[in-house]
Amino acid sequence: MEQTVRVTHTSTSRMVQAAFFLALCFVLPFFTGQIPAIGSRISPMHIPVFLCGFVCGWQWAFLVGLVAPVFRSLIFGMPPMMPTAVAMAFEMAAYGAVSGILYARLPKSNVSVYVSLIAAMLLGRLVWGLVSIVLYGMTGSAFTLQAFLAGAFINAVPAIVLHIVLVPAIVILLRNAKVLD
């Protein structure tokens, strides 16, 4: 007996939206890279992945987060593949998955948007640190606690602030405009 896969309007719509967020992951670094001193420190690729989690759900956001840094590295050479793009792929996949899962499960309130985002930011950074330990260990280098704290928090302050201000504002705007379920 032959089984058919039925593609619904919703799944097609989510796929197109996820492709849009993936495209933003490719394009945003070109714009922010022009800002002296902080352009590279505001983590522009993370924003579309977080938004994808809220808009498309965890599965699409996980996939976008996983492939964006690797594809961008292959196409543009930035970020460098090892260890940066590989570690970012796991980090961003966690961002997308956690933001999408929590947003789907928590009550639809402004507080839930912040809780989902901040939890995703913390867990994604933890994943980045664990993957970095493995990747650096494979090369014979050490990934220290100081390197983790600097990369995940101290040097990331501009990105953390931007993401906490911008992402919830966009999600709340989309929800109020009835674009987001």
C-alpha atoms as a PDB file:
ATOM      1  CA  MET A   1       0.000   0.000   0.000  1.00  0.00           C
ATOM      2  CA  GLU A   2       1.419   3.347  -0.998  1.00  0.00           C
ATOM      3  CA  GLN A   3       1.564   6.116   1.536  1.00  0.00           C
ATOM      4  CA  THR A   4       1.497   9.736   0.503  1.00  0.00           C
ATOM      5  CA  VAL A   5       2.903  12.671   2.345  1.00  0.00           C
ATOM      6  CA  ARG A   6       0.450  15.478   2.662  1.00  0.00           C
ATOM      7  CA  VAL A   7       1.993  18.929   2.744  1.00  0.00           C
ATOM      8  CA  THR A   8      -0.272  21.413   4.399  1.00  0.00           C
ATOM      9  CA  HIS A   9      -0.376  25.144   3.984  1.00  0.00           C
ATOM     10  CA  THR A  10       1.009  25.507   7.490  1.00  0.00           C
ATOM     11  CA  SER A  11       4.020  23.247   6.926  1.00  0.00           C
ATOM     12  CA  THR A  12       4.804  24.933   3.609  1.00  0.00           C
ATOM     13  CA  SER A  13       4.459  28.324   5.241  1.00  0.00           C
ATOM     14  CA  ARG A  14       6.795  27.314   8.082  1.00  0.00           C
ATOM     15  CA  MET A  15       9.354  26.023   5.581  1.00  0.00           C
ATOM     16  CA  VAL A  16       9.299  29.306   3.662  1.00  0.00           C
ATOM     17  CA  GLN A  17       9.589  31.292   6.889  1.00  0.00           C
ATOM     18  CA  ALA A  18      12.522  29.120   8.022  1.00  0.00           C
ATOM     19  CA  ALA A  19      14.219  29.724   4.653  1.00  0.00           C
ATOM     20  CA  PHE A  20      13.752  33.460   5.213  1.00  0.00           C
ATOM     21  CA  PHE A  21      15.400  33.225   8.632  1.00  0.00           C
ATOM     22  CA  LEU A  22      18.244  31.175   7.148  1.00  0.00           C
ATOM     23  CA  ALA A  23      18.737  33.880   4.511  1.00  0.00           C
ATOM     24  CA  LEU A  24      18.882  36.492   7.270  1.00  0.00           C
ATOM     25  CA  CYS A  25      21.647  34.455   8.929  1.00  0.00           C
ATOM     26  CA  PHE A  26      23.651  34.851   5.726  1.00  0.00           C
ATOM     27  CA  VAL A  27      22.932  38.551   5.157  1.00  0.00           C
ATOM     28  CA  LEU A  28      22.925  40.234   8.598  1.00  0.00           C
ATOM     29  CA  PRO A  29      26.664  39.754   9.253  1.00  0.00           C
ATOM     30  CA  PHE A  30      27.416  41.800   6.118  1.00  0.00           C
ATOM     31  CA  PHE A  31      25.559  44.786   7.583  1.00  0.00           C
ATOM     32  CA  THR A  32      26.764  44.528  11.164  1.00  0.00           C
ATOM     33  CA  GLY A  33      30.345  43.888  10.096  1.00  0.00           C
ATOM     34  CA  GLN A  34      30.432  47.526   8.961  1.00  0.00           C
ATOM     35  CA  ILE A  35      29.985  48.776  12.547  1.00  0.00           C
ATOM     36  CA  PRO A  36      33.465  49.429  13.982  1.00  0.00           C
ATOM     37  CA  ALA A  37      34.338  47.939  17.362  1.00  0.00           C
ATOM     38  CA  ILE A  38      31.099  46.008  18.012  1.00  0.00           C
ATOM     39  CA  GLY A  39      29.941  44.727  14.614  1.00  0.00           C
ATOM     40  CA  SER A  40      31.277  41.234  15.160  1.00  0.00           C
ATOM     41  CA  ARG A  41      30.362  41.223  18.857  1.00  0.00           C
ATOM     42  CA  ILE A  42      26.602  41.567  18.405  1.00  0.00           C
ATOM     43  CA  SER A  43      26.168  38.034  17.032  1.00  0.00           C
ATOM     44  CA  PRO A  44      23.836  38.907  14.151  1.00  0.00           C
ATOM     45  CA  MET A  45      23.343  35.281  13.051  1.00  0.00           C
ATOM     46  CA  HIS A  46      21.754  34.422  16.386  1.00  0.00           C
ATOM     47  CA  ILE A  47      18.835  36.845  16.004  1.00  0.00           C
ATOM     48  CA  PRO A  48      17.133  35.047  13.086  1.00  0.00           C
ATOM     49  CA  VAL A  49      17.567  31.684  14.818  1.00  0.00           C
ATOM     50  CA  PHE A  50      15.871  32.925  17.987  1.00  0.00           C
ATOM     51  CA  LEU A  51      13.073  34.452  15.913  1.00  0.00           C
ATOM     52  CA  CYS A  52      12.725  31.230  13.942  1.00  0.00           C
ATOM     53  CA  GLY A  53      12.170  29.364  17.214  1.00  0.00           C
ATOM     54  CA  PHE A  54       9.308  31.670  18.137  1.00  0.00           C
ATOM     55  CA  VAL A  55       7.768  31.860  14.671  1.00  0.00           C
ATOM     56  CA  CYS A  56       8.384  28.453  13.078  1.00  0.00           C
ATOM     57  CA  GLY A  57       8.786  26.140  16.050  1.00  0.00           C
ATOM     58  CA  TRP A  58      11.684  24.249  17.494  1.00  0.00           C
ATOM     59  CA  GLN A  59      12.234  21.780  14.648  1.00  0.00           C
ATOM     60  CA  TRP A  60      12.762  24.409  11.966  1.00  0.00           C
ATOM     61  CA  ALA A  61      14.780  26.648  14.281  1.00  0.00           C
ATOM     62  CA  PHE A  62      16.999  23.717  15.287  1.00  0.00           C
ATOM     63  CA  LEU A  63      17.689  23.001  11.616  1.00  0.00           C
ATOM     64  CA  VAL A  64      18.321  26.649  10.698  1.00  0.00           C
ATOM     65  CA  GLY A  65      20.653  27.063  13.674  1.00  0.00           C
ATOM     66  CA  LEU A  66      22.518  23.873  12.844  1.00  0.00           C
ATOM     67  CA  VAL A  67      23.177  24.628   9.174  1.00  0.00           C
ATOM     68  CA  ALA A  68      23.553  28.428   9.081  1.00  0.00           C
ATOM     69  CA  PRO A  69      27.120  28.766  10.441  1.00  0.00           C
ATOM     70  CA  VAL A  70      28.397  25.744   8.524  1.00  0.00           C
ATOM     71  CA  PHE A  71      26.855  26.829   5.206  1.00  0.00           C
ATOM     72  CA  ARG A  72      28.031  30.411   5.743  1.00  0.00           C
ATOM     73  CA  SER A  73      31.537  29.148   6.433  1.00  0.00           C
ATOM     74  CA  LEU A  74      31.495  26.979   3.306  1.00  0.00           C
ATOM     75  CA  ILE A  75      30.178  29.783   1.084  1.00  0.00           C
ATOM     76  CA  PHE A  76      31.889  32.886   2.490  1.00  0.00           C
ATOM     77  CA  GLY A  77      34.726  31.487   4.599  1.00  0.00           C
ATOM     78  CA  MET A  78      33.328  33.173   7.706  1.00  0.00           C
ATOM     79  CA  PRO A  79      33.087  32.130  10.410  1.00  0.00           C
ATOM     80  CA  PRO A  80      36.102  29.826  10.158  1.00  0.00           C
ATOM     81  CA  MET A  81      34.896  26.223  10.030  1.00  0.00           C
ATOM     82  CA  MET A  82      36.990  24.769  12.859  1.00  0.00           C
ATOM     83  CA  PRO A  83      36.323  25.242  15.660  1.00  0.00           C
ATOM     84  CA  THR A  84      34.150  28.365  15.314  1.00  0.00           C
ATOM     85  CA  ALA A  85      31.417  27.408  12.817  1.00  0.00           C
ATOM     86  CA  VAL A  86      31.079  23.868  14.157  1.00  0.00           C
ATOM     87  CA  ALA A  87      30.709  25.054  17.763  1.00  0.00           C
ATOM     88  CA  MET A  88      28.329  27.809  16.632  1.00  0.00           C
ATOM     89  CA  ALA A  89      26.206  25.238  14.794  1.00  0.00           C
ATOM     90  CA  PHE A  90      25.544  23.331  18.012  1.00  0.00           C
ATOM     91  CA  GLU A  91      25.061  26.552  19.987  1.00  0.00           C
ATOM     92  CA  MET A  92      22.595  28.012  17.502  1.00  0.00           C
ATOM     93  CA  ALA A  93      20.721  24.715  17.130  1.00  0.00           C
ATOM     94  CA  ALA A  94      20.238  24.783  20.903  1.00  0.00           C
ATOM     95  CA  TYR A  95      19.084  28.417  20.732  1.00  0.00           C
ATOM     96  CA  GLY A  96      16.448  27.566  18.161  1.00  0.00           C
ATOM     97  CA  ALA A  97      15.271  24.368  19.821  1.00  0.00           C
ATOM     98  CA  VAL A  98      15.036  25.774  23.345  1.00  0.00           C
ATOM     99  CA  SER A  99      13.352  29.041  22.349  1.00  0.00           C
ATOM    100  CA  GLY A 100      10.820  27.148  20.225  1.00  0.00           C
ATOM    101  CA  ILE A 101      10.070  24.437  22.789  1.00  0.00           C
ATOM    102  CA  LEU A 102       9.664  26.827  25.710  1.00  0.00           C
ATOM    103  CA  TYR A 103       7.594  29.340  23.744  1.00  0.00           C
ATOM    104  CA  ALA A 104       5.228  26.566  22.625  1.00  0.00           C
ATOM    105  CA  ARG A 105       4.826  25.199  26.155  1.00  0.00           C
ATOM    106  CA  LEU A 106       4.644  28.377  28.235  1.00  0.00           C
ATOM    107  CA  PRO A 107       1.590  30.641  28.439  1.00  0.00           C
ATOM    108  CA  LYS A 108       1.576  33.247  25.667  1.00  0.00           C
ATOM    109  CA  SER A 109       2.657  36.246  27.717  1.00  0.00           C
ATOM    110  CA  ASN A 110       5.391  38.842  27.413  1.00  0.00           C
ATOM    111  CA  VAL A 111       7.166  37.293  30.400  1.00  0.00           C
ATOM    112  CA  SER A 112       7.187  33.901  28.629  1.00  0.00           C
ATOM    113  CA  VAL A 113       8.939  35.450  25.654  1.00  0.00           C
ATOM    114  CA  TYR A 114      11.745  36.694  27.905  1.00  0.00           C
ATOM    115  CA  VAL A 115      11.919  33.419  29.846  1.00  0.00           C
ATOM    116  CA  SER A 116      12.139  31.423  26.599  1.00  0.00           C
ATOM    117  CA  LEU A 117      14.816  33.706  25.175  1.00  0.00           C
ATOM    118  CA  ILE A 118      16.996  33.902  28.275  1.00  0.00           C
ATOM    119  CA  ALA A 119      16.804  30.151  28.894  1.00  0.00           C
ATOM    120  CA  ALA A 120      17.756  29.537  25.248  1.00  0.00           C
ATOM    121  CA  MET A 121      20.656  31.984  25.545  1.00  0.00           C
ATOM    122  CA  LEU A 122      21.992  30.270  28.659  1.00  0.00           C
ATOM    123  CA  LEU A 123      21.587  26.697  27.406  1.00  0.00           C
ATOM    124  CA  GLY A 124      23.003  27.566  23.980  1.00  0.00           C
ATOM    125  CA  ARG A 125      26.084  29.071  25.580  1.00  0.00           C
ATOM    126  CA  LEU A 126      26.490  25.982  27.739  1.00  0.00           C
ATOM    127  CA  VAL A 127      26.257  23.779  24.623  1.00  0.00           C
ATOM    128  CA  TRP A 128      28.817  26.016  22.890  1.00  0.00           C
ATOM    129  CA  GLY A 129      31.175  25.590  25.843  1.00  0.00           C
ATOM    130  CA  LEU A 130      30.814  21.807  25.954  1.00  0.00           C
ATOM    131  CA  VAL A 131      31.301  21.433  22.198  1.00  0.00           C
ATOM    132  CA  SER A 132      34.304  23.778  22.366  1.00  0.00           C
ATOM    133  CA  ILE A 133      35.896  21.608  25.045  1.00  0.00           C
ATOM    134  CA  VAL A 134      35.610  18.607  22.717  1.00  0.00           C
ATOM    135  CA  LEU A 135      36.769  20.454  19.579  1.00  0.00           C
ATOM    136  CA  TYR A 136      39.744  22.127  21.236  1.00  0.00           C
ATOM    137  CA  GLY A 137      40.609  18.835  22.948  1.00  0.00           C
ATOM    138  CA  MET A 138      40.713  17.119  19.546  1.00  0.00           C
ATOM    139  CA  THR A 139      43.323  19.637  18.412  1.00  0.00           C
ATOM    140  CA  GLY A 140      45.368  19.251  21.577  1.00  0.00           C
ATOM    141  CA  SER A 141      44.445  22.708  22.843  1.00  0.00           C
ATOM    142  CA  ALA A 142      42.779  23.549  26.107  1.00  0.00           C
ATOM    143  CA  PHE A 143      39.457  25.352  26.353  1.00  0.00           C
ATOM    144  CA  THR A 144      39.624  26.918  29.795  1.00  0.00           C
ATOM    145  CA  LEU A 145      36.932  28.228  32.085  1.00  0.00           C
ATOM    146  CA  GLN A 146      38.305  31.712  31.434  1.00  0.00           C
ATOM    147  CA  ALA A 147      37.939  31.213  27.665  1.00  0.00           C
ATOM    148  CA  PHE A 148      34.367  30.012  28.190  1.00  0.00           C
ATOM    149  CA  LEU A 149      33.408  32.945  30.411  1.00  0.00           C
ATOM    150  CA  ALA A 150      35.036  35.443  28.049  1.00  0.00           C
ATOM    151  CA  GLY A 151      33.451  33.990  24.919  1.00  0.00           C
ATOM    152  CA  ALA A 152      30.033  33.226  26.330  1.00  0.00           C
ATOM    153  CA  PHE A 153      29.474  36.222  28.583  1.00  0.00           C
ATOM    154  CA  ILE A 154      32.126  38.934  28.933  1.00  0.00           C
ATOM    155  CA  ASN A 155      32.818  39.574  25.233  1.00  0.00           C
ATOM    156  CA  ALA A 156      29.179  38.811  24.407  1.00  0.00           C
ATOM    157  CA  VAL A 157      27.659  41.653  26.470  1.00  0.00           C
ATOM    158  CA  PRO A 158      26.734  43.744  23.388  1.00  0.00           C
ATOM    159  CA  ALA A 159      25.038  40.711  21.813  1.00  0.00           C
ATOM    160  CA  ILE A 160      23.261  39.754  25.033  1.00  0.00           C
ATOM    161  CA  VAL A 161      21.866  43.256  25.469  1.00  0.00           C
ATOM    162  CA  LEU A 162      20.836  43.547  21.818  1.00  0.00           C
ATOM    163  CA  HIS A 163      19.139  40.144  21.797  1.00  0.00           C
ATOM    164  CA  ILE A 164      17.247  40.777  25.045  1.00  0.00           C
ATOM    165  CA  VAL A 165      15.986  44.113  23.708  1.00  0.00           C
ATOM    166  CA  LEU A 166      15.358  43.272  20.045  1.00  0.00           C
ATOM    167  CA  VAL A 167      14.080  39.683  19.921  1.00  0.00           C
ATOM    168  CA  PRO A 168      11.242  40.023  22.480  1.00  0.00           C
ATOM    169  CA  ALA A 169      10.191  43.342  20.930  1.00  0.00           C
ATOM    170  CA  ILE A 170       9.844  41.680  17.515  1.00  0.00           C
ATOM    171  CA  VAL A 171       8.058  38.614  18.915  1.00  0.00           C
ATOM    172  CA  ILE A 172       5.618  40.743  20.921  1.00  0.00           C
ATOM    173  CA  LEU A 173       5.009  42.967  17.882  1.00  0.00           C
ATOM    174  CA  LEU A 174       4.303  39.906  15.711  1.00  0.00           C
ATOM    175  CA  ARG A 175       1.988  38.467  18.340  1.00  0.00           C
ATOM    176  CA  ASN A 176       0.075  41.746  18.742  1.00  0.00           C
ATOM    177  CA  ALA A 177      -0.253  41.993  14.959  1.00  0.00           C
ATOM    178  CA  LYS A 178      -1.770  38.467  15.006  1.00  0.00           C
ATOM    179  CA  VAL A 179       1.026  37.178  12.761  1.00  0.00           C
ATOM    180  CA  LEU A 180       2.231  34.802  15.460  1.00  0.00           C
ATOM    181  CA  ASP A 181      -0.005  32.124  17.032  1.00  0.00           C
END
